[in-house]
Protein backbone atom coordinates (compact mmCIF):
# COMPACT_ATOMS: atom_id res chain seq x y z
CA MET A 1 26.16 7.07 -8.15
CA ASN A 2 22.77 8.29 -7.03
CA SER A 3 19.41 6.59 -7.23
CA GLU A 4 16.36 7.91 -5.43
CA ILE A 5 15.31 4.40 -4.38
CA ILE A 6 17.74 1.52 -3.79
CA ILE A 7 16.73 -2.02 -2.92
CA ILE A 8 19.39 -4.23 -1.37
CA GLY A 9 18.62 -7.78 -2.45
CA GLY A 10 17.17 -9.11 -5.68
CA GLY A 11 15.08 -11.94 -4.29
CA ALA A 12 11.30 -12.34 -4.35
CA SER A 13 10.52 -9.35 -2.14
CA GLY A 14 13.28 -7.16 -3.61
CA LEU A 15 12.16 -7.71 -7.18
CA MET A 16 8.56 -6.90 -6.29
CA ALA A 17 9.68 -3.83 -4.35
CA ALA A 18 11.56 -2.59 -7.39
CA TYR A 19 8.61 -3.28 -9.68
CA GLY A 20 6.18 -1.54 -7.32
CA ALA A 21 8.41 1.52 -6.99
CA ALA A 22 9.18 1.83 -10.70
CA ARG A 23 5.54 1.29 -11.66
CA ALA A 24 4.41 4.04 -9.28
CA LEU A 25 7.02 6.47 -10.64
CA LYS A 26 6.63 5.67 -14.33
CA GLY A 27 5.37 8.64 -16.34
CA VAL A 28 5.30 10.79 -13.21
CA SER A 29 8.91 11.15 -12.10
CA PRO A 30 12.38 10.53 -13.57
CA ALA A 31 13.47 9.09 -10.23
CA ARG A 32 15.67 6.00 -10.55
CA VAL A 33 15.05 2.63 -8.93
CA THR A 34 18.08 0.39 -8.47
CA ILE A 35 18.54 -3.15 -7.15
CA LEU A 36 21.92 -4.10 -5.71
CA GLU A 37 22.26 -7.90 -5.73
CA LYS A 38 25.46 -9.49 -4.48
CA MET A 39 25.07 -12.78 -6.38
CA PRO A 40 25.84 -13.23 -10.11
CA ARG A 41 22.12 -13.48 -10.82
CA PRO A 42 19.04 -12.39 -8.83
CA GLY A 43 16.44 -14.57 -7.16
CA ARG A 44 18.48 -17.75 -6.76
CA LYS A 45 16.39 -18.88 -3.80
CA ILE A 46 13.23 -18.73 -5.92
CA LEU A 47 14.74 -21.54 -8.01
CA PHE A 48 14.62 -23.88 -4.99
CA THR A 49 11.01 -23.23 -4.02
CA GLY A 50 8.43 -25.97 -4.43
CA LYS A 51 11.25 -28.44 -5.18
CA GLY A 52 12.04 -26.44 -8.28
CA ARG A 53 8.39 -26.11 -9.32
CA CYS A 54 7.82 -22.80 -7.47
CA ASN A 55 4.60 -22.83 -5.47
CA PHE A 56 4.49 -19.02 -5.65
CA THR A 57 1.21 -18.30 -3.83
CA ASN A 58 -1.87 -19.79 -2.22
CA LEU A 59 -5.40 -18.76 -3.16
CA LYS A 60 -7.00 -19.17 0.25
CA ASP A 61 -8.96 -16.16 1.44
CA TRP A 62 -7.52 -14.05 4.23
CA ASN A 63 -9.35 -15.87 7.04
CA ASP A 64 -7.73 -19.17 6.03
CA PHE A 65 -4.47 -17.69 4.74
CA SER A 66 -3.82 -15.85 8.01
CA THR A 67 -3.93 -19.10 10.03
CA HIS A 68 -0.77 -20.17 8.19
CA ILE A 69 1.21 -17.10 9.27
CA ARG A 70 3.27 -18.10 12.32
CA THR A 71 4.02 -14.55 13.44
CA SER A 72 1.68 -11.56 13.68
CA SER A 73 -0.93 -11.91 10.95
CA HIS A 74 -2.20 -8.41 11.76
CA PHE A 75 1.14 -7.01 10.64
CA VAL A 76 0.85 -8.75 7.24
CA LYS A 77 -2.84 -7.95 6.66
CA PRO A 78 -2.47 -4.49 5.01
CA ALA A 79 0.18 -5.80 2.62
CA PHE A 80 -1.95 -8.85 1.77
CA PHE A 81 -4.97 -6.77 0.81
CA ASN A 82 -2.79 -4.31 -1.10
CA TRP A 83 -1.47 -7.21 -3.21
CA THR A 84 -3.59 -10.37 -3.01
CA PRO A 85 -2.83 -13.85 -4.38
CA GLU A 86 -5.29 -13.16 -7.20
CA GLN A 87 -3.36 -10.01 -8.10
CA MET A 88 -0.09 -11.94 -8.06
CA ILE A 89 -1.46 -14.50 -10.48
CA ALA A 90 -2.89 -11.78 -12.73
CA PHE A 91 0.46 -9.95 -12.68
CA LEU A 92 2.39 -13.03 -13.80
CA GLU A 93 -0.13 -13.94 -16.49
CA GLN A 94 -0.22 -10.37 -17.82
CA ASN A 95 3.54 -10.63 -18.13
CA GLY A 96 3.30 -13.82 -20.17
CA LEU A 97 3.49 -16.62 -17.59
CA GLU A 98 0.71 -19.21 -17.64
CA THR A 99 -0.22 -20.52 -14.18
CA VAL A 100 -2.14 -23.44 -12.68
CA VAL A 101 -3.80 -24.01 -9.28
CA GLU A 102 -3.38 -27.44 -7.71
CA ARG A 103 -4.41 -29.30 -4.57
CA GLY A 104 -4.55 -27.14 -1.46
CA ASP A 105 -5.14 -23.91 -3.43
CA ARG A 106 -1.44 -23.83 -4.34
CA ALA A 107 -0.50 -21.90 -7.48
CA PHE A 108 2.39 -22.92 -9.76
CA PRO A 109 3.67 -21.87 -13.15
CA TYR A 110 2.02 -24.11 -15.74
CA SER A 111 5.49 -25.21 -16.84
CA HIS A 112 6.34 -26.23 -13.26
CA ARG A 113 9.68 -24.48 -13.74
CA ALA A 114 10.70 -22.05 -11.00
CA ALA A 115 13.07 -20.35 -13.45
CA ASP A 116 10.05 -19.18 -15.46
CA VAL A 117 8.68 -17.31 -12.44
CA LEU A 118 12.05 -15.70 -11.78
CA ASP A 119 12.51 -14.70 -15.42
CA THR A 120 9.04 -13.16 -15.49
CA LEU A 121 9.75 -11.08 -12.37
CA VAL A 122 13.09 -9.86 -13.70
CA GLU A 123 11.70 -8.99 -17.13
CA ALA A 124 8.77 -7.10 -15.58
CA CYS A 125 11.21 -5.00 -13.53
CA LEU A 126 13.42 -4.26 -16.51
CA ARG A 127 10.43 -3.21 -18.62
CA GLU A 128 9.52 -0.68 -15.94
CA GLY A 129 13.00 0.82 -16.10
CA VAL A 130 14.55 -0.76 -12.99
CA THR A 131 18.36 -0.81 -12.93
CA LEU A 132 19.41 -4.30 -11.82
CA LEU A 133 23.05 -4.60 -10.81
CA THR A 134 24.47 -8.01 -9.89
CA GLU A 135 27.68 -8.91 -8.08
CA LYS A 136 27.20 -5.75 -6.05
CA GLU A 137 27.78 -6.81 -2.45
CA VAL A 138 26.90 -4.00 -0.07
CA VAL A 139 29.33 -3.99 2.85
CA SER A 140 28.18 -0.89 4.72
CA VAL A 141 25.13 1.33 5.05
CA SER A 142 25.72 4.82 6.43
CA PRO A 143 23.08 7.24 7.72
CA GLY A 144 21.61 9.29 4.99
CA PHE A 145 21.90 6.64 3.03
CA THR A 146 25.34 6.01 1.56
CA LEU A 147 26.04 2.44 0.54
CA ARG A 148 29.54 1.11 -0.04
CA CYS A 149 30.06 -2.08 -2.06
CA ALA A 150 32.83 -4.66 -1.89
CA ASP A 151 34.12 -3.58 -5.30
CA GLY A 152 34.64 -0.03 -4.02
CA ASP A 153 31.60 1.55 -5.69
CA THR A 154 29.47 3.90 -3.60
CA TYR A 155 25.74 4.56 -4.02
CA THR A 156 23.46 7.13 -2.42
CA CYS A 157 19.69 7.26 -2.11
CA SER A 158 16.95 9.01 -0.18
CA ARG A 159 14.86 5.85 0.20
CA LEU A 160 16.43 2.49 1.08
CA ILE A 161 14.60 -0.85 1.05
CA ILE A 162 16.32 -3.74 2.81
CA ALA A 163 15.19 -6.98 1.14
CA THR A 164 18.16 -9.19 1.95
CA GLY A 165 16.23 -12.26 3.12
CA GLY A 166 17.12 -14.28 6.20
CA LEU A 167 19.77 -16.90 6.91
CA SER A 168 18.23 -19.84 5.06
CA TYR A 169 20.11 -21.28 2.08
CA PRO A 170 23.21 -19.09 2.53
CA SER A 171 24.51 -20.41 -0.81
CA THR A 172 21.87 -18.21 -2.46
CA GLY A 173 23.29 -15.09 -0.80
CA SER A 174 21.13 -14.99 2.34
CA THR A 175 23.81 -14.49 4.96
CA GLY A 176 22.03 -12.16 7.38
CA ASP A 177 23.56 -8.86 6.26
CA GLY A 178 20.23 -7.07 6.57
CA TYR A 179 20.00 -7.88 10.28
CA ARG A 180 23.28 -6.09 10.93
CA TRP A 181 22.22 -2.96 9.02
CA ALA A 182 18.88 -2.94 10.81
CA GLN A 183 20.61 -3.11 14.19
CA GLU A 184 23.08 -0.40 13.19
CA ASN A 185 20.05 1.80 12.50
CA GLY A 186 18.57 1.13 15.94
CA HIS A 187 16.21 -1.73 15.08
CA THR A 188 15.63 -4.84 17.20
CA VAL A 189 16.26 -8.25 15.64
CA THR A 190 14.35 -11.03 17.38
CA SER A 191 15.86 -14.47 18.00
CA LEU A 192 16.70 -16.24 14.73
CA SER A 193 16.15 -19.95 14.15
CA PRO A 194 15.58 -22.34 11.23
CA SER A 195 11.97 -22.95 10.21
CA LEU A 196 10.40 -25.28 7.66
CA THR A 197 13.32 -27.62 8.17
CA ALA A 198 13.99 -31.33 8.57
CA LEU A 199 13.62 -32.88 12.02
CA VAL A 200 16.20 -35.63 12.56
CA PRO A 201 15.06 -38.75 14.48
CA ARG A 202 17.53 -40.36 16.85
CA GLY A 203 19.20 -43.16 14.92
CA TYR A 204 18.49 -41.59 11.52
CA LYS A 205 22.00 -40.21 11.12
CA VAL A 206 25.36 -41.35 12.42
CA ALA A 207 25.94 -39.77 15.83
CA ALA A 208 28.31 -36.82 15.63
CA PRO A 209 30.12 -34.97 18.44
CA VAL A 210 28.11 -32.07 19.83
CA ASP A 211 29.54 -28.73 18.78
CA GLU A 212 29.40 -26.71 21.97
CA ALA A 213 30.31 -23.56 20.03
CA ASP A 214 27.25 -23.86 17.77
CA PRO A 215 24.64 -21.36 19.03
CA LEU A 216 21.93 -23.49 17.38
CA ARG A 217 21.57 -26.16 20.04
CA GLY A 218 20.52 -29.44 18.45
CA HIS A 219 21.77 -28.50 14.97
CA ILE A 220 22.66 -31.56 12.88
CA SER A 221 24.23 -30.84 9.51
CA ARG A 222 22.31 -32.22 6.57
CA GLU A 223 25.61 -33.60 5.29
CA THR A 224 25.96 -35.92 8.30
CA ALA A 225 26.07 -39.54 7.12
CA MET A 226 22.89 -41.57 7.44
CA THR A 227 22.52 -44.87 9.28
CA ALA A 228 21.22 -48.03 7.59
CA ALA A 229 17.85 -47.42 9.29
CA GLY A 230 17.77 -43.87 7.95
CA GLU A 231 18.60 -45.04 4.44
CA ALA A 232 15.76 -47.57 4.65
CA LEU A 233 13.25 -44.77 5.31
CA LYS A 234 14.69 -42.20 2.91
CA GLY A 235 12.38 -41.51 -0.01
CA ALA A 236 9.18 -42.80 1.60
CA LYS A 237 6.16 -40.48 1.33
CA LEU A 238 3.05 -40.71 3.51
CA LYS A 239 -0.28 -39.13 2.68
CA ASN A 240 -3.24 -38.39 4.95
CA VAL A 241 -1.60 -39.28 8.25
CA ASN A 242 -1.62 -37.70 11.69
CA LEU A 243 1.61 -36.30 13.12
CA SER A 244 1.63 -35.57 16.85
CA VAL A 245 4.28 -33.61 18.72
CA PHE A 246 5.24 -34.60 22.26
CA VAL A 247 7.18 -32.15 24.42
CA ASP A 248 8.84 -33.71 27.46
CA GLY A 249 6.46 -36.66 27.15
CA HIS A 250 3.25 -34.63 26.87
CA ARG A 251 1.22 -34.33 23.67
CA ASP A 252 1.45 -30.76 22.43
CA ALA A 253 -0.23 -30.76 19.01
CA THR A 254 -1.57 -33.04 16.27
CA GLU A 255 -1.66 -32.18 12.57
CA PHE A 256 -3.18 -34.04 9.60
CA GLY A 257 -1.58 -34.21 6.16
CA ASP A 258 1.50 -35.54 4.35
CA VAL A 259 4.98 -36.50 5.57
CA ASP A 260 8.18 -37.14 3.60
CA PHE A 261 11.34 -38.92 4.75
CA THR A 262 14.40 -37.36 3.10
CA ASP A 263 18.16 -37.39 3.45
CA GLY A 264 17.63 -34.67 6.06
CA GLY A 265 15.01 -36.38 8.21
CA ILE A 266 11.26 -35.88 8.59
CA GLU A 267 10.00 -33.24 6.16
CA GLY A 268 6.98 -32.73 3.91
CA PRO A 269 4.09 -30.37 4.73
CA LEU A 270 3.52 -31.78 8.23
CA GLY A 271 7.18 -32.09 9.16
CA PHE A 272 7.77 -28.51 8.07
CA LYS A 273 4.65 -27.27 9.84
CA VAL A 274 5.72 -28.53 13.26
CA SER A 275 9.44 -27.85 12.78
CA ARG A 276 9.29 -24.20 13.81
CA LYS A 277 8.01 -25.01 17.28
CA CYS A 278 10.12 -28.14 17.64
CA VAL A 279 13.35 -26.27 16.84
CA LYS A 280 12.58 -23.62 19.44
CA MET A 281 11.73 -26.30 22.03
CA ILE A 282 14.93 -28.23 21.34
CA ARG A 283 16.99 -25.06 21.66
CA ASN A 284 15.28 -24.42 25.00
CA GLY A 285 16.33 -27.86 26.24
CA SER A 286 13.04 -29.77 25.87
CA ARG A 287 12.81 -33.39 24.74
CA ILE A 288 10.84 -33.72 21.50
CA SER A 289 9.29 -36.85 20.02
CA LEU A 290 6.97 -37.29 17.08
CA SER A 291 4.23 -39.87 16.67
CA LEU A 292 2.88 -41.00 13.30
CA ASP A 293 -0.62 -42.41 13.06
CA LEU A 294 -0.74 -44.12 9.67
CA LYS A 295 -4.44 -44.97 10.06
CA PRO A 296 -6.01 -41.83 11.61
CA GLY A 297 -9.53 -42.76 10.47
CA VAL A 298 -9.49 -46.24 12.06
CA PRO A 299 -9.73 -46.83 15.85
CA LEU A 300 -7.11 -49.12 17.36
CA GLU A 301 -9.53 -51.97 18.15
CA GLU A 302 -10.96 -51.93 14.64
CA LEU A 303 -7.47 -51.88 13.14
CA SER A 304 -6.39 -54.82 15.32
CA ALA A 305 -9.39 -56.86 14.16
CA ARG A 306 -8.66 -55.99 10.55
CA ILE A 307 -5.02 -57.03 10.88
CA ARG A 308 -6.02 -60.38 12.41
CA SER A 309 -8.46 -60.99 9.58
CA LEU A 310 -5.84 -60.15 6.95
CA TRP A 311 -3.25 -62.37 8.63
CA LYS A 312 -5.65 -65.29 8.75
CA SER A 313 -6.48 -64.97 5.06
CA ILE A 314 -2.77 -64.81 4.16
CA GLN A 315 -2.04 -67.93 6.23
CA GLU A 316 -4.93 -69.83 4.63
CA ASP A 317 -3.85 -68.93 1.12
CA PRO A 318 -2.61 -72.11 -0.65
CA ARG A 319 0.66 -70.36 -1.47
CA SER A 320 1.40 -69.98 2.23
CA ARG A 321 1.19 -73.70 3.18
CA GLN A 322 4.92 -74.11 3.28
CA TRP A 323 4.98 -76.24 6.41
CA LYS A 324 3.38 -79.23 4.65
CA ASP A 325 5.71 -79.73 1.72
CA GLY A 326 8.62 -77.36 2.19
CA ARG A 327 7.50 -75.04 -0.62
CA GLY A 328 5.56 -71.76 -0.74
CA LEU A 329 5.92 -68.63 1.34
CA ASN A 330 7.64 -68.54 4.71
CA GLY A 331 6.46 -66.47 7.66
CA LYS A 332 8.78 -63.58 6.82
CA GLU A 333 7.34 -63.32 3.33
CA MET A 334 3.77 -63.54 4.65
CA TYR A 335 4.55 -60.71 7.06
CA ARG A 336 5.73 -58.56 4.16
CA ILE A 337 2.49 -59.29 2.32
CA LEU A 338 0.57 -58.23 5.40
CA LEU A 339 2.48 -54.95 5.61
CA GLY A 340 1.82 -54.37 1.91
CA LYS A 341 -1.89 -54.39 2.66
CA LEU A 342 -1.43 -51.80 5.41
CA MET A 343 1.05 -49.27 3.99
CA PRO A 344 2.78 -48.13 0.77
CA TRP A 345 5.33 -50.67 -0.47
CA ASP A 346 8.15 -48.14 -0.40
CA LEU A 347 7.60 -47.64 3.33
CA ILE A 348 7.90 -51.34 4.26
CA PRO A 349 11.74 -51.55 4.46
CA GLY A 350 11.87 -48.47 6.67
CA PHE A 351 8.98 -49.58 8.85
CA GLN A 352 10.64 -52.96 9.43
CA ALA A 353 14.00 -51.34 10.15
CA TRP A 354 12.46 -49.07 12.80
CA ASN A 355 10.14 -51.73 14.27
CA PRO A 356 12.30 -54.88 14.33
CA ASP A 357 10.61 -56.44 17.38
CA LEU A 358 7.28 -56.96 15.62
CA LEU A 359 8.64 -60.06 13.87
CA THR A 360 10.49 -62.65 15.97
CA VAL A 361 12.45 -65.60 14.65
CA SER A 362 13.12 -68.95 16.25
CA VAL A 363 15.18 -71.87 14.95
CA PRO A 364 13.97 -75.43 15.73
CA LYS A 365 16.20 -77.75 17.68
CA PRO A 366 18.20 -80.35 15.75
CA GLY A 367 15.95 -83.12 14.48
CA ALA A 368 12.79 -81.05 14.74
CA GLY A 369 12.48 -81.00 10.97
CA ARG A 370 12.06 -84.78 10.52
CA HIS A 371 8.33 -84.45 9.77
CA PHE A 372 9.19 -82.61 6.53
CA HIS A 373 9.82 -84.52 3.28
CA LYS A 374 13.35 -83.10 3.40
CA PRO A 375 15.08 -82.85 6.81
CA VAL A 376 16.18 -79.24 6.42
CA SER A 377 16.78 -76.59 9.03
CA ARG A 378 13.81 -74.21 9.04
CA ARG A 379 13.11 -70.91 10.77
CA PHE A 380 9.79 -70.12 12.44
CA TYR A 381 8.44 -66.56 12.38
CA ASP A 382 5.98 -65.08 14.82
CA VAL A 383 4.23 -61.72 14.27
CA ASP A 384 2.98 -59.68 17.22
CA LEU A 385 -0.25 -58.53 15.60
CA ASP A 386 -1.39 -56.38 18.53
CA ALA A 387 1.95 -54.56 18.65
CA LEU A 388 1.78 -54.07 14.89
CA ALA A 389 -1.58 -52.31 15.22
CA GLU A 390 -0.20 -50.12 18.00
CA SER A 391 2.85 -49.22 15.91
CA LEU A 392 0.67 -48.20 12.98
CA LYS A 393 -1.33 -45.92 15.28
CA ASP A 394 1.64 -44.61 17.31
CA TRP A 395 4.96 -44.90 15.49
CA ARG A 396 7.33 -42.96 17.74
CA PHE A 397 10.46 -41.07 16.78
CA ASP A 398 12.64 -39.42 19.41
CA ILE A 399 14.06 -36.29 17.78
CA ALA A 400 17.81 -35.84 18.09
CA GLY A 401 17.94 -32.45 16.39
CA TYR A 402 17.23 -30.55 13.22
CA VAL A 403 18.83 -29.39 9.98
CA GLY A 404 20.05 -25.82 10.30
CA PHE A 405 20.09 -22.73 8.11
CA GLU A 406 22.11 -24.53 5.45
CA ARG A 407 18.95 -26.18 4.11
CA CYS A 408 15.92 -24.77 5.94
CA VAL A 409 13.26 -23.08 3.83
CA VAL A 410 12.83 -19.88 5.85
CA THR A 411 14.19 -18.08 8.89
CA ALA A 412 12.02 -17.61 11.95
CA GLY A 413 12.62 -14.26 13.65
CA GLY A 414 14.06 -11.08 12.20
CA VAL A 415 13.59 -7.31 12.31
CA SER A 416 10.84 -6.68 14.84
CA SER A 417 7.50 -5.97 13.17
CA GLU A 418 6.65 -3.64 16.05
CA GLU A 419 9.23 -1.21 14.67
CA ILE A 420 7.80 -1.26 11.12
CA LEU A 421 4.64 0.47 9.89
CA SER A 422 2.43 -2.29 8.53
CA LYS A 423 0.63 0.03 6.08
CA THR A 424 3.83 1.14 4.35
CA MET A 425 6.67 -1.20 5.47
CA ALA A 426 8.52 1.94 6.58
CA SER A 427 10.76 2.01 9.61
CA ARG A 428 9.26 3.68 12.66
CA LEU A 429 12.77 4.69 13.69
CA VAL A 430 14.58 5.91 10.57
CA LYS A 431 13.07 8.14 7.90
CA GLY A 432 13.41 6.72 4.41
CA LEU A 433 14.18 3.16 5.52
CA TYR A 434 11.90 0.27 4.53
CA PHE A 435 11.92 -3.49 5.02
CA CYS A 436 10.24 -6.35 3.20
CA GLY A 437 10.29 -10.14 2.99
CA GLU A 438 12.13 -12.65 5.13
CA VAL A 439 14.45 -10.13 6.77
CA MET A 440 11.47 -9.16 8.94
CA ASP A 441 10.06 -11.27 11.78
CA MET A 442 7.57 -12.92 9.45
CA ASP A 443 7.36 -16.60 8.52
CA CYS A 444 4.59 -18.95 7.42
CA ASP A 445 3.78 -22.58 6.73
CA THR A 446 4.82 -24.23 3.49
CA GLY A 447 2.32 -24.02 0.65
CA GLY A 448 2.95 -20.70 -1.10
CA TYR A 449 2.33 -18.53 1.95
CA ASN A 450 5.90 -17.32 2.44
CA LEU A 451 6.38 -16.26 -1.16
CA GLN A 452 3.03 -14.45 -1.22
CA CYS A 453 3.99 -12.54 1.93
CA ALA A 454 7.33 -11.68 0.33
CA PHE A 455 5.60 -10.41 -2.82
CA SER A 456 2.95 -8.49 -0.87
CA THR A 457 5.33 -6.79 1.56
CA GLY A 458 7.80 -6.13 -1.25
CA ILE A 459 5.43 -4.33 -3.58
CA LEU A 460 3.97 -2.35 -0.67
CA ALA A 461 7.44 -1.23 0.40
CA GLY A 462 8.27 -0.19 -3.17
CA MET A 463 5.02 1.70 -3.70
CA SER A 464 5.39 3.44 -0.34
CA ALA A 465 8.97 4.49 -1.07
CA ALA A 466 7.86 5.87 -4.46
CA ARG A 467 5.04 7.86 -2.89
CA ALA A 468 7.53 9.34 -0.43
CA VAL A 469 9.82 10.36 -3.30
CA LEU A 470 6.93 12.02 -5.11
CA GLU A 471 5.90 13.84 -1.93
CA ASP A 472 9.45 15.10 -1.51
CA ALA A 473 9.43 16.40 -5.10
CA THR A 474 6.09 18.13 -4.58
CA SER A 475 7.12 19.80 -1.33
CA SER A 476 10.40 21.08 -2.84
CA ARG A 477 8.64 23.00 -5.63
């Protein structure tokens, strides 16, 4: 079965590559564009993006957008300007999908359903005449290009676009096949590691034996059972905090934004942002710790004074005078009230579990309770207010490891961008071969940047392959 252009992989970049190629050929050439997707349906990974809401792009201009690209932004620049975030939004809306822009210039479908974005992409491809074949697992790519599938079918093409994604979320079909085919065609694949992934604090999950055979040093499976302290933190969300990274005891970077505690570990925009570097450092043998500053806009001395003032007012509240008549709030309850004035309520159990020494308990000797109306045994609680202020400004987590490819958002590393023409996405080494999306050494921060780069590089690869097909037809006349 012959098709002038074949795209291996029906994810975000593959669908856009097919659309770009078919659109460029429509009305000009009868050339066929075919997607070979090994899963039962295309674009499964799109369904997971934005926690199912699909933050599909970010409307920052190039100067700001490029700062969120963690590899060579110069490589991505031609693709970005060929297909901008504004063009992506216009494309979706012209194809019937209403969109909305939210905080941080992030664009979502108005429905907040990732499936709507996927359906729109697929329908746009089909309307342009793309042949989309599912459950077609390519097992070999021969020079020229002849593709053999697991079901025995063979396909040939003059232009091949590899859009197989990386290693992240292998359940969606991203199992690294594209890296092998790139290497078989002489391309270099840079070191691969999880990015935009959960960082696991020591004590967050039950300690598991180290797997010496695992090439991802420090990898902790997301399925590893959580400790009681981890469970206490799970689900807490922090906004407008500072997160600092310490490498071998030295501060390396500080970022401002939001942090989430999940069943994986420390995630959210900030956790994801620093994870790329932390994973690489851990794999290189460095010790990593993170510090949370819950009050970045308040100096330590000012925060200490505020805490003392709050504590005094809580103690003087009539409801807190339990030592006179045996009723009212005890010291432990007053401490919880104090924490409630300093942090979100859902964070308090986790904060207490990870900072147990801030509240000390003593039990009076027998007979010490005779001055009460009822001679009962009573506990006395003492809060270290200075240490509390320090913990709010520098809450430390030693990092034991990270969640691996099984649940990371993207793969860092891939087919070397130095071997790909940035203006066309064509291979510098093999005529007729193109790459796009996550299979390349190209990854970004969370916030719509990765999907936009996938869309931009995908449509550029498709358009370039179509132009090459048209040039071949012209030269053969």
